Amino acid sequence: MVRAEHGPYEGKLVIDLGFSTYFHREKPFKFKEGDIVSLVGATHASPLLKKVTSATEADLYTYPAFVKEVLDGDTFTAFVDLGFGMTTIQTLRLRGLDAREIESAEGQEAKEYLEKALREGKGSLLIRTVKSDKYDRYLADLFVGKRYLNQELVEHGLAAVVEEV
């Protein structure tokens, strides 16, 4: 729960869904700023929410997603489920790594590895976003089942570790 700083809900308590998307309703929430809440049922108009007491800041901004297109070895487009029946399409960059350019043989190999791993996961994945990069793509950790694909690309020599700015 955050207090909106700008826009039509300025000063009001809203649920930060990520990707600059906020959920607001006229009936006041029973939560306070800083609470972490989870949707547990109901409809779009009347969500049932509960405070999540075991969650930490590290649990925030983690979403189920479905791959739309792999652009190269470290960038892809996905349908991201924000909850509340809302989905956003985002171009995401894998956090902390850099694959070779797509025009190179190594870049093609990295892209093919990522596509194959995502096919094996049937396009369903879990992403955890951190922040956006200079091109306004969100940096993401990518999980398919128990596999952490950011690390796999580095371990297989398909991407290099880079410092985050």
Protein backbone atom coordinates (compact mmCIF):
# COMPACT_ATOMS: atom_id res chain seq x y z
CA MET A 1 0.00 0.00 0.00
CA VAL A 2 1.36 3.39 -0.98
CA ARG A 3 0.12 6.94 -0.91
CA ALA A 4 -0.16 8.25 -4.48
CA GLU A 5 2.20 11.17 -5.03
CA HIS A 6 0.81 12.37 -8.38
CA GLY A 7 -2.20 12.08 -10.63
CA PRO A 8 -5.90 11.74 -9.93
CA TYR A 9 -5.39 9.79 -6.68
CA GLU A 10 -2.74 12.09 -5.21
CA GLY A 11 -2.65 11.72 -1.43
CA LYS A 12 -4.94 8.67 -1.45
CA LEU A 13 -4.02 5.14 -0.43
CA VAL A 14 -3.61 2.85 -3.46
CA ILE A 15 -2.24 -0.59 -4.18
CA ASP A 16 0.99 -0.39 -6.17
CA LEU A 17 0.71 -3.16 -8.78
CA GLY A 18 4.06 -2.31 -10.34
CA PHE A 19 4.91 -0.96 -13.80
CA SER A 20 3.49 2.44 -12.76
CA THR A 21 0.04 0.88 -12.32
CA TYR A 22 -2.07 1.55 -9.24
CA PHE A 23 -5.37 0.16 -7.99
CA HIS A 24 -7.72 2.55 -6.21
CA ARG A 25 -11.28 2.27 -4.99
CA GLU A 26 -13.63 4.82 -3.51
CA LYS A 27 -14.34 2.76 -0.38
CA PRO A 28 -11.25 3.25 1.83
CA PHE A 29 -8.90 0.33 2.30
CA LYS A 30 -8.62 -1.09 5.80
CA PHE A 31 -4.85 -1.18 5.42
CA LYS A 32 -2.21 1.42 6.12
CA GLU A 33 0.65 2.76 4.04
CA GLY A 34 3.47 0.23 3.85
CA ASP A 35 1.26 -2.82 4.34
CA ILE A 36 1.80 -5.66 1.89
CA VAL A 37 -1.53 -7.06 0.76
CA SER A 38 -2.62 -9.99 -1.37
CA LEU A 39 -5.73 -10.54 -3.46
CA VAL A 40 -7.52 -13.61 -2.11
CA GLY A 41 -10.70 -13.62 -4.21
CA ALA A 42 -13.86 -11.78 -5.25
CA THR A 43 -14.47 -9.64 -8.32
CA HIS A 44 -12.73 -6.67 -9.93
CA ALA A 45 -15.24 -4.27 -8.35
CA SER A 46 -15.01 -5.77 -4.88
CA PRO A 47 -11.66 -7.45 -4.24
CA LEU A 48 -11.09 -9.47 -1.10
CA LEU A 49 -7.71 -8.47 0.25
CA LYS A 50 -5.69 -9.62 3.21
CA LYS A 51 -2.53 -8.34 4.81
CA VAL A 52 0.42 -10.63 4.18
CA THR A 53 2.39 -10.76 7.41
CA SER A 54 5.20 -13.05 6.26
CA ALA A 55 6.07 -11.08 3.12
CA THR A 56 9.10 -8.84 2.91
CA GLU A 57 10.19 -6.10 0.51
CA ALA A 58 12.07 -8.81 -1.45
CA ASP A 59 8.72 -10.49 -2.21
CA LEU A 60 7.35 -7.42 -3.97
CA TYR A 61 7.17 -7.01 -7.73
CA THR A 62 7.11 -10.74 -8.45
CA TYR A 63 4.64 -11.75 -11.14
CA PRO A 64 3.46 -14.70 -13.18
CA ALA A 65 4.02 -13.97 -16.85
CA PHE A 66 3.69 -15.53 -20.29
CA VAL A 67 6.24 -15.01 -23.03
CA LYS A 68 5.09 -13.16 -26.10
CA GLU A 69 8.42 -12.97 -27.95
CA VAL A 70 12.12 -13.45 -27.28
CA LEU A 71 13.94 -10.51 -28.86
CA ASP A 72 17.51 -11.62 -28.15
CA GLY A 73 19.51 -13.50 -25.53
CA ASP A 74 18.73 -11.07 -22.72
CA THR A 75 15.51 -9.30 -23.75
CA PHE A 76 11.95 -10.54 -24.20
CA THR A 77 8.37 -9.32 -24.31
CA ALA A 78 5.84 -10.83 -21.91
CA PHE A 79 2.24 -10.59 -20.78
CA VAL A 80 2.59 -9.80 -17.06
CA ASP A 81 -0.29 -10.63 -14.69
CA LEU A 82 -0.65 -7.72 -12.23
CA GLY A 83 -3.60 -9.26 -10.40
CA PHE A 84 -7.12 -7.80 -10.21
CA GLY A 85 -7.71 -9.13 -13.74
CA MET A 86 -5.12 -6.68 -15.11
CA THR A 87 -2.37 -7.63 -17.52
CA THR A 88 0.36 -5.48 -19.03
CA ILE A 89 2.68 -6.20 -21.93
CA GLN A 90 6.26 -5.33 -21.04
CA THR A 91 9.62 -5.58 -22.72
CA LEU A 92 11.94 -6.94 -20.05
CA ARG A 93 15.72 -7.10 -19.88
CA LEU A 94 17.40 -9.83 -17.84
CA ARG A 95 19.00 -8.25 -14.79
CA GLY A 96 22.75 -8.35 -14.24
CA LEU A 97 23.82 -9.81 -17.56
CA ASP A 98 24.56 -8.97 -21.15
CA ALA A 99 24.28 -11.41 -24.05
CA ARG A 100 26.13 -10.79 -27.31
CA GLU A 101 24.38 -8.83 -30.05
CA ILE A 102 21.78 -10.78 -32.02
CA GLU A 103 23.75 -10.38 -35.28
CA SER A 104 26.56 -12.57 -33.92
CA ALA A 105 26.60 -16.37 -33.77
CA GLU A 106 26.95 -16.15 -29.97
CA GLY A 107 23.94 -13.82 -29.79
CA GLN A 108 21.85 -16.22 -31.86
CA GLU A 109 22.93 -19.10 -29.59
CA ALA A 110 21.88 -17.16 -26.47
CA LYS A 111 18.50 -16.33 -28.01
CA GLU A 112 17.92 -19.96 -29.00
CA TYR A 113 18.85 -21.13 -25.48
CA LEU A 114 16.38 -18.69 -23.93
CA GLU A 115 13.61 -19.67 -26.39
CA LYS A 116 14.18 -23.38 -25.72
CA ALA A 117 14.11 -22.92 -21.93
CA LEU A 118 10.88 -20.92 -22.19
CA ARG A 119 9.28 -23.52 -24.49
CA GLU A 120 10.12 -26.21 -21.93
CA GLY A 121 8.28 -24.11 -19.36
CA LYS A 122 5.37 -23.87 -21.80
CA GLY A 123 5.73 -20.08 -21.88
CA SER A 124 4.73 -19.77 -18.23
CA LEU A 125 7.27 -18.08 -16.03
CA LEU A 126 7.80 -16.02 -12.93
CA ILE A 127 9.56 -12.68 -13.07
CA ARG A 128 10.83 -10.43 -10.31
CA THR A 129 11.43 -6.87 -11.42
CA VAL A 130 13.84 -4.47 -9.82
CA LYS A 131 13.93 -1.18 -11.71
CA SER A 132 13.93 0.08 -15.26
CA ASP A 133 17.02 0.60 -17.38
CA LYS A 134 18.00 3.63 -19.45
CA TYR A 135 15.70 2.43 -22.26
CA ASP A 136 12.74 2.16 -19.82
CA ARG A 137 12.74 -1.64 -19.91
CA TYR A 138 12.30 -3.23 -16.52
CA LEU A 139 15.20 -5.36 -15.34
CA ALA A 140 13.99 -8.80 -14.36
CA ASP A 141 15.05 -12.04 -12.76
CA LEU A 142 13.52 -14.87 -14.79
CA PHE A 143 12.39 -18.18 -13.31
CA VAL A 144 10.94 -21.14 -15.19
CA GLY A 145 9.92 -23.71 -12.60
CA LYS A 146 12.94 -23.99 -10.29
CA ARG A 147 15.34 -22.79 -12.99
CA TYR A 148 16.88 -19.32 -12.66
CA LEU A 149 17.55 -18.45 -16.30
CA ASN A 150 19.66 -15.34 -15.63
CA GLN A 151 22.24 -17.54 -13.90
CA GLU A 152 21.99 -20.35 -16.47
CA LEU A 153 22.85 -18.01 -19.34
CA VAL A 154 25.99 -16.89 -17.49
CA GLU A 155 26.96 -20.44 -16.45
CA HIS A 156 26.66 -21.66 -20.06
CA GLY A 157 28.86 -18.80 -21.31
CA LEU A 158 25.98 -17.24 -23.24
CA ALA A 159 26.03 -13.94 -21.32
CA ALA A 160 28.46 -11.91 -19.25
CA VAL A 161 27.79 -10.52 -15.79
CA VAL A 162 27.43 -6.73 -15.81
CA GLU A 163 27.33 -4.15 -13.03
CA GLU A 164 23.97 -2.55 -12.40
CA VAL A 165 23.90 1.22 -12.50
